[in-house]
Amino acid sequence: MEESYMTIKEFCDRLQVSQSTVYRMIKNRMIPAIKFGRYWKIPRSVFEQIPTRER
């Protein structure tokens, strides 16, 4: 099965965090990411594994 990816902006919008936070998380290897050309992409499976806060 082929992996699908999210852009940094899409990931930020869904988690309600800043882009600098996500780039820091990538740099510190807290979340995996792959660089396609000059753009970073995050596997969608990473987002699905993040626990959500119940409201």
Protein backbone atom coordinates (compact mmCIF):
# COMPACT_ATOMS: atom_id res chain seq x y z
CA MET A 1 0.00 0.00 0.00
CA GLU A 2 1.34 3.40 -0.96
CA GLU A 3 1.81 6.03 1.76
CA SER A 4 0.04 9.38 1.35
CA TYR A 5 1.50 12.62 2.69
CA MET A 6 0.34 15.92 4.18
CA THR A 7 1.91 19.30 3.66
CA ILE A 8 3.30 21.20 6.64
CA LYS A 9 0.46 23.73 6.32
CA GLU A 10 -2.21 21.01 6.31
CA PHE A 11 -0.61 19.34 9.35
CA CYS A 12 -0.48 22.69 11.19
CA ASP A 13 -4.09 23.50 10.39
CA ARG A 14 -5.31 20.14 11.70
CA LEU A 15 -3.27 20.29 14.90
CA GLN A 16 -3.67 24.04 15.47
CA VAL A 17 0.08 24.59 15.89
CA SER A 18 2.48 26.98 14.19
CA GLN A 19 4.72 26.03 11.30
CA SER A 20 7.80 26.80 13.39
CA THR A 21 6.62 24.24 15.95
CA VAL A 22 6.25 21.56 13.29
CA TYR A 23 9.64 22.36 11.74
CA ARG A 24 11.18 22.13 15.22
CA MET A 25 9.49 18.76 15.77
CA ILE A 26 10.88 17.53 12.44
CA LYS A 27 14.37 18.79 13.29
CA ASN A 28 14.27 17.09 16.72
CA ARG A 29 12.96 13.88 15.09
CA MET A 30 9.75 13.95 17.12
CA ILE A 31 7.75 13.37 13.93
CA PRO A 32 8.99 11.75 10.73
CA ALA A 33 9.02 13.79 7.54
CA ILE A 34 10.35 13.46 4.02
CA LYS A 35 11.68 16.27 1.89
CA PHE A 36 10.33 16.33 -1.67
CA GLY A 37 12.45 18.89 -3.51
CA ARG A 38 12.25 21.95 -1.29
CA TYR A 39 9.04 20.95 0.51
CA TRP A 40 8.64 18.78 3.61
CA LYS A 41 5.83 16.22 3.71
CA ILE A 42 4.54 14.30 6.70
CA PRO A 43 2.98 10.83 6.32
CA ARG A 44 -0.77 10.90 7.03
CA SER A 45 -0.30 7.89 9.29
CA VAL A 46 1.59 10.17 11.73
CA PHE A 47 -1.47 12.40 12.14
CA GLU A 48 -3.71 9.39 12.70
CA GLN A 49 -1.43 8.15 15.51
CA ILE A 50 -1.51 11.41 17.47
CA PRO A 51 -3.88 11.16 20.43
CA THR A 52 -6.64 13.74 20.35
CA ARG A 53 -7.88 15.67 23.33
CA GLU A 54 -11.46 14.88 24.24
CA ARG A 55 -13.73 17.89 24.46
